[in-house]
PDB file of N, CA and C in Angstrom:
ATOM      1  N   MET A   1     -33.670 -12.658 -43.468  1.00  0.00           N
ATOM      2  CA  MET A   1     -33.286 -11.458 -42.753  1.00  0.00           C
ATOM      3  C   MET A   1     -33.684 -11.557 -41.292  1.00  0.00           C
ATOM      4  N   ALA A   2     -32.814 -11.050 -40.483  1.00  0.00           N
ATOM      5  CA  ALA A   2     -33.091 -11.133 -39.020  1.00  0.00           C
ATOM      6  C   ALA A   2     -34.145 -10.140 -38.622  1.00  0.00           C
ATOM      7  N   GLU A   3     -34.967 -10.530 -37.693  1.00  0.00           N
ATOM      8  CA  GLU A   3     -36.027  -9.677 -37.178  1.00  0.00           C
ATOM      9  C   GLU A   3     -35.457  -8.638 -36.230  1.00  0.00           C
ATOM     10  N   ARG A   4     -36.013  -7.474 -36.254  1.00  0.00           N
ATOM     11  CA  ARG A   4     -35.578  -6.425 -35.356  1.00  0.00           C
ATOM     12  C   ARG A   4     -36.173  -6.684 -33.944  1.00  0.00           C
ATOM     13  N   ARG A   5     -35.376  -6.530 -32.922  1.00  0.00           N
ATOM     14  CA  ARG A   5     -35.845  -6.700 -31.605  1.00  0.00           C
ATOM     15  C   ARG A   5     -36.677  -5.487 -31.203  1.00  0.00           C
ATOM     16  N   LYS A   6     -37.753  -5.739 -30.515  1.00  0.00           N
ATOM     17  CA  LYS A   6     -38.605  -4.635 -30.092  1.00  0.00           C
ATOM     18  C   LYS A   6     -38.489  -4.531 -28.574  1.00  0.00           C
ATOM     19  N   PHE A   7     -37.954  -3.381 -28.162  1.00  0.00           N
ATOM     20  CA  PHE A   7     -37.817  -3.109 -26.735  1.00  0.00           C
ATOM     21  C   PHE A   7     -38.835  -2.055 -26.341  1.00  0.00           C
ATOM     22  N   LYS A   8     -39.236  -2.114 -25.103  1.00  0.00           N
ATOM     23  CA  LYS A   8     -40.163  -1.063 -24.634  1.00  0.00           C
ATOM     24  C   LYS A   8     -39.407   0.239 -24.474  1.00  0.00           C
ATOM     25  N   LYS A   9     -40.055   1.321 -24.703  1.00  0.00           N
ATOM     26  CA  LYS A   9     -39.445   2.658 -24.601  1.00  0.00           C
ATOM     27  C   LYS A   9     -39.164   2.969 -23.111  1.00  0.00           C
ATOM     28  N   ARG A  10     -37.932   3.322 -22.835  1.00  0.00           N
ATOM     29  CA  ARG A  10     -37.572   3.680 -21.461  1.00  0.00           C
ATOM     30  C   ARG A  10     -37.709   5.191 -21.290  1.00  0.00           C
ATOM     31  N   PHE A  11     -38.250   5.578 -20.179  1.00  0.00           N
ATOM     32  CA  PHE A  11     -38.445   7.000 -19.901  1.00  0.00           C
ATOM     33  C   PHE A  11     -37.515   7.448 -18.806  1.00  0.00           C
ATOM     34  N   CYS A  12     -37.187   8.681 -18.818  1.00  0.00           N
ATOM     35  CA  CYS A  12     -36.269   9.279 -17.850  1.00  0.00           C
ATOM     36  C   CYS A  12     -37.096   9.495 -16.561  1.00  0.00           C
ATOM     37  N   LYS A  13     -36.676   8.812 -15.491  1.00  0.00           N
ATOM     38  CA  LYS A  13     -37.469   8.923 -14.239  1.00  0.00           C
ATOM     39  C   LYS A  13     -37.274  10.302 -13.597  1.00  0.00           C
ATOM     40  N   TYR A  14     -36.140  10.969 -13.909  1.00  0.00           N
ATOM     41  CA  TYR A  14     -35.881  12.308 -13.382  1.00  0.00           C
ATOM     42  C   TYR A  14     -36.757  13.381 -14.096  1.00  0.00           C
ATOM     43  N   CYS A  15     -37.046  13.155 -15.376  1.00  0.00           N
ATOM     44  CA  CYS A  15     -37.937  14.083 -16.079  1.00  0.00           C
ATOM     45  C   CYS A  15     -39.356  13.967 -15.569  1.00  0.00           C
ATOM     46  N   GLU A  16     -39.779  12.712 -15.287  1.00  0.00           N
ATOM     47  CA  GLU A  16     -41.148  12.481 -14.798  1.00  0.00           C
ATOM     48  C   GLU A  16     -41.320  13.120 -13.447  1.00  0.00           C
ATOM     49  N   GLN A  17     -40.299  13.096 -12.592  1.00  0.00           N
ATOM     50  CA  GLN A  17     -40.399  13.718 -11.279  1.00  0.00           C
ATOM     51  C   GLN A  17     -40.024  15.216 -11.259  1.00  0.00           C
ATOM     52  N   LYS A  18     -39.603  15.710 -12.448  1.00  0.00           N
ATOM     53  CA  LYS A  18     -39.222  17.117 -12.661  1.00  0.00           C
ATOM     54  C   LYS A  18     -38.082  17.524 -11.699  1.00  0.00           C
ATOM     55  N   VAL A  19     -37.028  16.748 -11.718  1.00  0.00           N
ATOM     56  CA  VAL A  19     -35.847  16.972 -10.885  1.00  0.00           C
ATOM     57  C   VAL A  19     -34.913  17.938 -11.623  1.00  0.00           C
ATOM     58  N   ASP A  20     -34.494  18.993 -10.924  1.00  0.00           N
ATOM     59  CA  ASP A  20     -33.556  19.962 -11.531  1.00  0.00           C
ATOM     60  C   ASP A  20     -32.115  19.721 -11.083  1.00  0.00           C
ATOM     61  N   PHE A  21     -31.951  19.132  -9.900  1.00  0.00           N
ATOM     62  CA  PHE A  21     -30.594  18.959  -9.338  1.00  0.00           C
ATOM     63  C   PHE A  21     -30.552  17.575  -8.681  1.00  0.00           C
ATOM     64  N   ILE A  22     -29.469  16.855  -8.930  1.00  0.00           N
ATOM     65  CA  ILE A  22     -29.287  15.539  -8.344  1.00  0.00           C
ATOM     66  C   ILE A  22     -28.163  15.685  -7.287  1.00  0.00           C
ATOM     67  N   ASP A  23     -28.518  15.371  -6.053  1.00  0.00           N
ATOM     68  CA  ASP A  23     -27.573  15.549  -4.954  1.00  0.00           C
ATOM     69  C   ASP A  23     -26.630  14.370  -4.863  1.00  0.00           C
ATOM     70  N   TYR A  24     -25.366  14.607  -4.658  1.00  0.00           N
ATOM     71  CA  TYR A  24     -24.390  13.503  -4.600  1.00  0.00           C
ATOM     72  C   TYR A  24     -24.482  12.799  -3.251  1.00  0.00           C
ATOM     73  N   LYS A  25     -25.115  13.367  -2.260  1.00  0.00           N
ATOM     74  CA  LYS A  25     -25.249  12.707  -0.950  1.00  0.00           C
ATOM     75  C   LYS A  25     -26.436  11.752  -0.853  1.00  0.00           C
ATOM     76  N   ASP A  26     -27.305  11.767  -1.881  1.00  0.00           N
ATOM     77  CA  ASP A  26     -28.461  10.897  -1.893  1.00  0.00           C
ATOM     78  C   ASP A  26     -28.108   9.600  -2.615  1.00  0.00           C
ATOM     79  N   LEU A  27     -27.602   8.641  -1.852  1.00  0.00           N
ATOM     80  CA  LEU A  27     -27.144   7.413  -2.434  1.00  0.00           C
ATOM     81  C   LEU A  27     -28.257   6.497  -2.908  1.00  0.00           C
ATOM     82  N   ASN A  28     -29.437   6.625  -2.315  1.00  0.00           N
ATOM     83  CA  ASN A  28     -30.562   5.829  -2.759  1.00  0.00           C
ATOM     84  C   ASN A  28     -30.969   6.086  -4.205  1.00  0.00           C
ATOM     85  N   SER A  29     -30.871   7.346  -4.643  1.00  0.00           N
ATOM     86  CA  SER A  29     -31.190   7.682  -6.023  1.00  0.00           C
ATOM     87  C   SER A  29     -30.097   7.368  -6.968  1.00  0.00           C
ATOM     88  N   LEU A  30     -28.839   7.394  -6.477  1.00  0.00           N
ATOM     89  CA  LEU A  30     -27.642   7.155  -7.331  1.00  0.00           C
ATOM     90  C   LEU A  30     -27.433   5.650  -7.581  1.00  0.00           C
ATOM     91  N   LYS A  31     -27.901   4.800  -6.677  1.00  0.00           N
ATOM     92  CA  LYS A  31     -27.577   3.384  -6.858  1.00  0.00           C
ATOM     93  C   LYS A  31     -28.229   2.744  -8.041  1.00  0.00           C
ATOM     94  N   PHE A  32     -29.282   3.338  -8.568  1.00  0.00           N
ATOM     95  CA  PHE A  32     -29.963   2.817  -9.744  1.00  0.00           C
ATOM     96  C   PHE A  32     -29.166   3.118 -11.004  1.00  0.00           C
ATOM     97  N   SER A  33     -28.198   4.015 -10.932  1.00  0.00           N
ATOM     98  CA  SER A  33     -27.367   4.322 -12.080  1.00  0.00           C
ATOM     99  C   SER A  33     -25.952   3.689 -11.988  1.00  0.00           C
ATOM    100  N   LEU A  34     -25.781   2.799 -10.997  1.00  0.00           N
ATOM    101  CA  LEU A  34     -24.523   2.109 -10.830  1.00  0.00           C
ATOM    102  C   LEU A  34     -24.681   0.644 -10.998  1.00  0.00           C
ATOM    103  N   SER A  35     -23.672  -0.037 -11.521  1.00  0.00           N
ATOM    104  CA  SER A  35     -23.690  -1.489 -11.628  1.00  0.00           C
ATOM    105  C   SER A  35     -23.285  -2.099 -10.271  1.00  0.00           C
ATOM    106  N   GLU A  36     -23.263  -3.442 -10.240  1.00  0.00           N
ATOM    107  CA  GLU A  36     -22.863  -4.091  -9.009  1.00  0.00           C
ATOM    108  C   GLU A  36     -21.409  -3.901  -8.642  1.00  0.00           C
ATOM    109  N   ARG A  37     -20.588  -3.477  -9.648  1.00  0.00           N
ATOM    110  CA  ARG A  37     -19.190  -3.172  -9.421  1.00  0.00           C
ATOM    111  C   ARG A  37     -18.926  -1.666  -9.378  1.00  0.00           C
ATOM    112  N   PHE A  38     -19.960  -0.878  -9.173  1.00  0.00           N
ATOM    113  CA  PHE A  38     -19.929   0.570  -9.010  1.00  0.00           C
ATOM    114  C   PHE A  38     -19.471   1.266 -10.266  1.00  0.00           C
ATOM    115  N   LYS A  39     -19.780   0.706 -11.413  1.00  0.00           N
ATOM    116  CA  LYS A  39     -19.504   1.395 -12.673  1.00  0.00           C
ATOM    117  C   LYS A  39     -20.780   2.227 -13.056  1.00  0.00           C
ATOM    118  N   ILE A  40     -20.582   3.319 -13.712  1.00  0.00           N
ATOM    119  CA  ILE A  40     -21.727   4.141 -14.150  1.00  0.00           C
ATOM    120  C   ILE A  40     -22.366   3.468 -15.333  1.00  0.00           C
ATOM    121  N   MET A  41     -23.685   3.239 -15.236  1.00  0.00           N
ATOM    122  CA  MET A  41     -24.397   2.586 -16.331  1.00  0.00           C
ATOM    123  C   MET A  41     -24.721   3.573 -17.423  1.00  0.00           C
ATOM    124  N   PRO A  42     -24.719   3.127 -18.695  1.00  0.00           N
ATOM    125  CA  PRO A  42     -24.997   4.047 -19.802  1.00  0.00           C
ATOM    126  C   PRO A  42     -26.479   4.424 -19.895  1.00  0.00           C
ATOM    127  N   ARG A  43     -26.730   5.446 -20.726  1.00  0.00           N
ATOM    128  CA  ARG A  43     -28.104   5.964 -20.911  1.00  0.00           C
ATOM    129  C   ARG A  43     -29.040   4.922 -21.501  1.00  0.00           C
ATOM    130  N   ARG A  44     -28.548   4.102 -22.351  1.00  0.00           N
ATOM    131  CA  ARG A  44     -29.397   3.122 -23.031  1.00  0.00           C
ATOM    132  C   ARG A  44     -29.953   2.073 -22.074  1.00  0.00           C
ATOM    133  N   LEU A  45     -29.189   1.866 -20.977  1.00  0.00           N
ATOM    134  CA  LEU A  45     -29.678   0.888 -19.960  1.00  0.00           C
ATOM    135  C   LEU A  45     -30.556   1.527 -18.885  1.00  0.00           C
ATOM    136  N   THR A  46     -30.220   2.756 -18.498  1.00  0.00           N
ATOM    137  CA  THR A  46     -30.993   3.423 -17.405  1.00  0.00           C
ATOM    138  C   THR A  46     -32.229   4.120 -17.935  1.00  0.00           C
ATOM    139  N   GLY A  47     -32.182   4.595 -19.187  1.00  0.00           N
ATOM    140  CA  GLY A  47     -33.276   5.305 -19.765  1.00  0.00           C
ATOM    141  C   GLY A  47     -33.292   6.807 -19.474  1.00  0.00           C
ATOM    142  N   ASN A  48     -32.210   7.283 -18.881  1.00  0.00           N
ATOM    143  CA  ASN A  48     -32.086   8.699 -18.577  1.00  0.00           C
ATOM    144  C   ASN A  48     -31.930   9.527 -19.872  1.00  0.00           C
ATOM    145  N   CYS A  49     -32.418  10.742 -19.809  1.00  0.00           N
ATOM    146  CA  CYS A  49     -32.161  11.666 -20.937  1.00  0.00           C
ATOM    147  C   CYS A  49     -30.719  12.200 -20.814  1.00  0.00           C
ATOM    148  N   LYS A  50     -30.262  12.880 -21.830  1.00  0.00           N
ATOM    149  CA  LYS A  50     -28.854  13.351 -21.882  1.00  0.00           C
ATOM    150  C   LYS A  50     -28.559  14.308 -20.709  1.00  0.00           C
ATOM    151  N   ARG A  51     -29.469  15.216 -20.473  1.00  0.00           N
ATOM    152  CA  ARG A  51     -29.200  16.185 -19.409  1.00  0.00           C
ATOM    153  C   ARG A  51     -29.129  15.564 -18.056  1.00  0.00           C
ATOM    154  N   HIS A  52     -30.058  14.628 -17.765  1.00  0.00           N
ATOM    155  CA  HIS A  52     -30.022  14.029 -16.410  1.00  0.00           C
ATOM    156  C   HIS A  52     -28.908  13.014 -16.277  1.00  0.00           C
ATOM    157  N   GLN A  53     -28.485  12.370 -17.377  1.00  0.00           N
ATOM    158  CA  GLN A  53     -27.386  11.467 -17.335  1.00  0.00           C
ATOM    159  C   GLN A  53     -26.099  12.172 -16.983  1.00  0.00           C
ATOM    160  N   GLU A  54     -25.923  13.394 -17.543  1.00  0.00           N
ATOM    161  CA  GLU A  54     -24.746  14.184 -17.193  1.00  0.00           C
ATOM    162  C   GLU A  54     -24.760  14.622 -15.725  1.00  0.00           C
ATOM    163  N   LEU A  55     -25.971  14.969 -15.215  1.00  0.00           N
ATOM    164  CA  LEU A  55     -26.081  15.333 -13.803  1.00  0.00           C
ATOM    165  C   LEU A  55     -25.804  14.097 -12.880  1.00  0.00           C
ATOM    166  N   VAL A  56     -26.248  12.941 -13.287  1.00  0.00           N
ATOM    167  CA  VAL A  56     -25.991  11.761 -12.483  1.00  0.00           C
ATOM    168  C   VAL A  56     -24.475  11.428 -12.501  1.00  0.00           C
ATOM    169  N   THR A  57     -23.827  11.554 -13.644  1.00  0.00           N
ATOM    170  CA  THR A  57     -22.416  11.299 -13.745  1.00  0.00           C
ATOM    171  C   THR A  57     -21.626  12.231 -12.859  1.00  0.00           C
ATOM    172  N   VAL A  58     -21.940  13.500 -12.841  1.00  0.00           N
ATOM    173  CA  VAL A  58     -21.271  14.497 -11.993  1.00  0.00           C
ATOM    174  C   VAL A  58     -21.485  14.150 -10.529  1.00  0.00           C
ATOM    175  N   ALA A  59     -22.749  13.798 -10.192  1.00  0.00           N
ATOM    176  CA  ALA A  59     -23.034  13.471  -8.800  1.00  0.00           C
ATOM    177  C   ALA A  59     -22.257  12.202  -8.345  1.00  0.00           C
ATOM    178  N   ILE A  60     -22.158  11.210  -9.206  1.00  0.00           N
ATOM    179  CA  ILE A  60     -21.460   9.959  -8.859  1.00  0.00           C
ATOM    180  C   ILE A  60     -19.950  10.263  -8.677  1.00  0.00           C
ATOM    181  N   LYS A  61     -19.404  11.115  -9.539  1.00  0.00           N
ATOM    182  CA  LYS A  61     -17.983  11.451  -9.429  1.00  0.00           C
ATOM    183  C   LYS A  61     -17.719  12.263  -8.128  1.00  0.00           C
ATOM    184  N   ARG A  62     -18.681  13.117  -7.757  1.00  0.00           N
ATOM    185  CA  ARG A  62     -18.470  13.865  -6.501  1.00  0.00           C
ATOM    186  C   ARG A  62     -18.627  12.943  -5.305  1.00  0.00           C
ATOM    187  N   ALA A  63     -19.536  11.951  -5.403  1.00  0.00           N
ATOM    188  CA  ALA A  63     -19.682  11.059  -4.257  1.00  0.00           C
ATOM    189  C   ALA A  63     -18.431  10.157  -4.138  1.00  0.00           C
ATOM    190  N   ARG A  64     -17.768   9.857  -5.239  1.00  0.00           N
ATOM    191  CA  ARG A  64     -16.542   9.094  -5.173  1.00  0.00           C
ATOM    192  C   ARG A  64     -15.403   9.873  -4.534  1.00  0.00           C
ATOM    193  N   GLN A  65     -15.362  11.205  -4.847  1.00  0.00           N
ATOM    194  CA  GLN A  65     -14.315  12.024  -4.288  1.00  0.00           C
ATOM    195  C   GLN A  65     -14.473  12.195  -2.763  1.00  0.00           C
ATOM    196  N   THR A  66     -15.737  12.173  -2.300  1.00  0.00           N
ATOM    197  CA  THR A  66     -16.004  12.338  -0.873  1.00  0.00           C
ATOM    198  C   THR A  66     -16.007  11.004  -0.172  1.00  0.00           C
ATOM    199  N   ALA A  67     -15.683   9.918  -0.868  1.00  0.00           N
ATOM    200  CA  ALA A  67     -15.610   8.571  -0.304  1.00  0.00           C
ATOM    201  C   ALA A  67     -16.962   8.048   0.132  1.00  0.00           C
ATOM    202  N   LEU A  68     -18.036   8.435  -0.488  1.00  0.00           N
ATOM    203  CA  LEU A  68     -19.357   7.866  -0.204  1.00  0.00           C
ATOM    204  C   LEU A  68     -19.550   6.608  -1.053  1.00  0.00           C
ATOM    205  N   ILE A  69     -18.954   6.587  -2.234  1.00  0.00           N
ATOM    206  CA  ILE A  69     -19.016   5.446  -3.149  1.00  0.00           C
ATOM    207  C   ILE A  69     -17.556   5.048  -3.473  1.00  0.00           C
ATOM    208  N   PRO A  70     -17.239   3.774  -3.507  1.00  0.00           N
ATOM    209  CA  PRO A  70     -15.864   3.379  -3.829  1.00  0.00           C
ATOM    210  C   PRO A  70     -15.579   3.532  -5.317  1.00  0.00           C
ATOM    211  N   TYR A  71     -14.308   3.723  -5.644  1.00  0.00           N
ATOM    212  CA  TYR A  71     -13.895   3.829  -7.022  1.00  0.00           C
ATOM    213  C   TYR A  71     -13.903   2.417  -7.667  1.00  0.00           C
ATOM    214  N   ILE A  72     -13.344   1.438  -6.980  1.00  0.00           N
ATOM    215  CA  ILE A  72     -13.280   0.088  -7.471  1.00  0.00           C
ATOM    216  C   ILE A  72     -13.760  -0.909  -6.445  1.00  0.00           C
ATOM    217  N   VAL A  73     -14.111  -2.112  -6.896  1.00  0.00           N
ATOM    218  CA  VAL A  73     -14.517  -3.147  -5.984  1.00  0.00           C
ATOM    219  C   VAL A  73     -13.609  -4.328  -6.239  1.00  0.00           C
ATOM    220  N   ASP A  74     -13.156  -4.947  -5.154  1.00  0.00           N
ATOM    221  CA  ASP A  74     -12.240  -6.105  -5.221  1.00  0.00           C
ATOM    222  C   ASP A  74     -13.012  -7.284  -5.826  1.00  0.00           C
ATOM    223  N   ARG A  75     -12.383  -7.953  -6.834  1.00  0.00           N
ATOM    224  CA  ARG A  75     -13.046  -9.105  -7.470  1.00  0.00           C
ATOM    225  C   ARG A  75     -13.067 -10.289  -6.527  1.00  0.00           C
ATOM    226  N   LYS A  76     -12.099 -10.409  -5.667  1.00  0.00           N
ATOM    227  CA  LYS A  76     -11.991 -11.579  -4.804  1.00  0.00           C
ATOM    228  C   LYS A  76     -13.049 -11.589  -3.702  1.00  0.00           C
ATOM    229  N   ASN A  77     -13.326 -10.426  -3.165  1.00  0.00           N
ATOM    230  CA  ASN A  77     -14.312 -10.286  -2.092  1.00  0.00           C
ATOM    231  C   ASN A  77     -15.641  -9.771  -2.642  1.00  0.00           C
ATOM    232  N   VAL A  78     -16.375 -10.649  -3.329  1.00  0.00           N
ATOM    233  CA  VAL A  78     -17.634 -10.271  -3.951  1.00  0.00           C
ATOM    234  C   VAL A  78     -18.736 -10.221  -2.881  1.00  0.00           C
ATOM    235  N   VAL A  79     -19.472  -9.103  -2.869  1.00  0.00           N
ATOM    236  CA  VAL A  79     -20.525  -8.912  -1.937  1.00  0.00           C
ATOM    237  C   VAL A  79     -21.863  -9.035  -2.680  1.00  0.00           C
ATOM    238  N   GLU A  80     -22.856  -9.666  -2.066  1.00  0.00           N
ATOM    239  CA  GLU A  80     -24.128  -9.828  -2.786  1.00  0.00           C
ATOM    240  C   GLU A  80     -24.838  -8.483  -3.043  1.00  0.00           C
ATOM    241  N   SER A  81     -24.908  -7.638  -2.041  1.00  0.00           N
ATOM    242  CA  SER A  81     -25.513  -6.348  -2.195  1.00  0.00           C
ATOM    243  C   SER A  81     -24.527  -5.297  -1.646  1.00  0.00           C
ATOM    244  N   PRO A  82     -23.798  -4.632  -2.512  1.00  0.00           N
ATOM    245  CA  PRO A  82     -22.730  -3.700  -2.089  1.00  0.00           C
ATOM    246  C   PRO A  82     -23.343  -2.417  -1.472  1.00  0.00           C
ATOM    247  N   PHE A  83     -24.584  -2.125  -1.689  1.00  0.00           N
ATOM    248  CA  PHE A  83     -25.171  -0.917  -1.146  1.00  0.00           C
ATOM    249  C   PHE A  83     -25.568  -1.050   0.307  1.00  0.00           C
ATOM    250  N   GLU A  84     -25.634  -2.269   0.824  1.00  0.00           N
ATOM    251  CA  GLU A  84     -25.918  -2.446   2.245  1.00  0.00           C
ATOM    252  C   GLU A  84     -24.793  -2.019   3.095  1.00  0.00           C
ATOM    253  N   ASN A  85     -23.578  -2.115   2.582  1.00  0.00           N
ATOM    254  CA  ASN A  85     -22.385  -1.760   3.391  1.00  0.00           C
ATOM    255  C   ASN A  85     -22.199  -0.215   3.448  1.00  0.00           C
ATOM    256  N   LEU A  86     -22.819   0.531   2.530  1.00  0.00           N
ATOM    257  CA  LEU A  86     -22.675   1.966   2.493  1.00  0.00           C
ATOM    258  C   LEU A  86     -23.429   2.586   3.661  1.00  0.00           C
ATOM    259  N   ARG A  87     -22.882   3.586   4.219  1.00  0.00           N
ATOM    260  CA  ARG A  87     -23.424   4.333   5.382  1.00  0.00           C
ATOM    261  C   ARG A  87     -23.405   3.582   6.609  1.00  0.00           C
TER     262      ARG A  87
END
């Protein structure tokens, strides 16, 4: 029988800081929930609780609408750190 993998328990960093609202203009806090191709990372990877993951998702979608974060990234022009070009 295969052994079960044991992962460390991930905690919601927003619950620890007691954050009630996640601002879409604060890109430094949003970049931890985005992959290198600007996709929204799931809860199991970020460790966010359900409530804060929904707030992060809404904030990222608002930032995309206001052109603070791109919708897609070109595969041919790969950048090492895409967050350096923002702002």
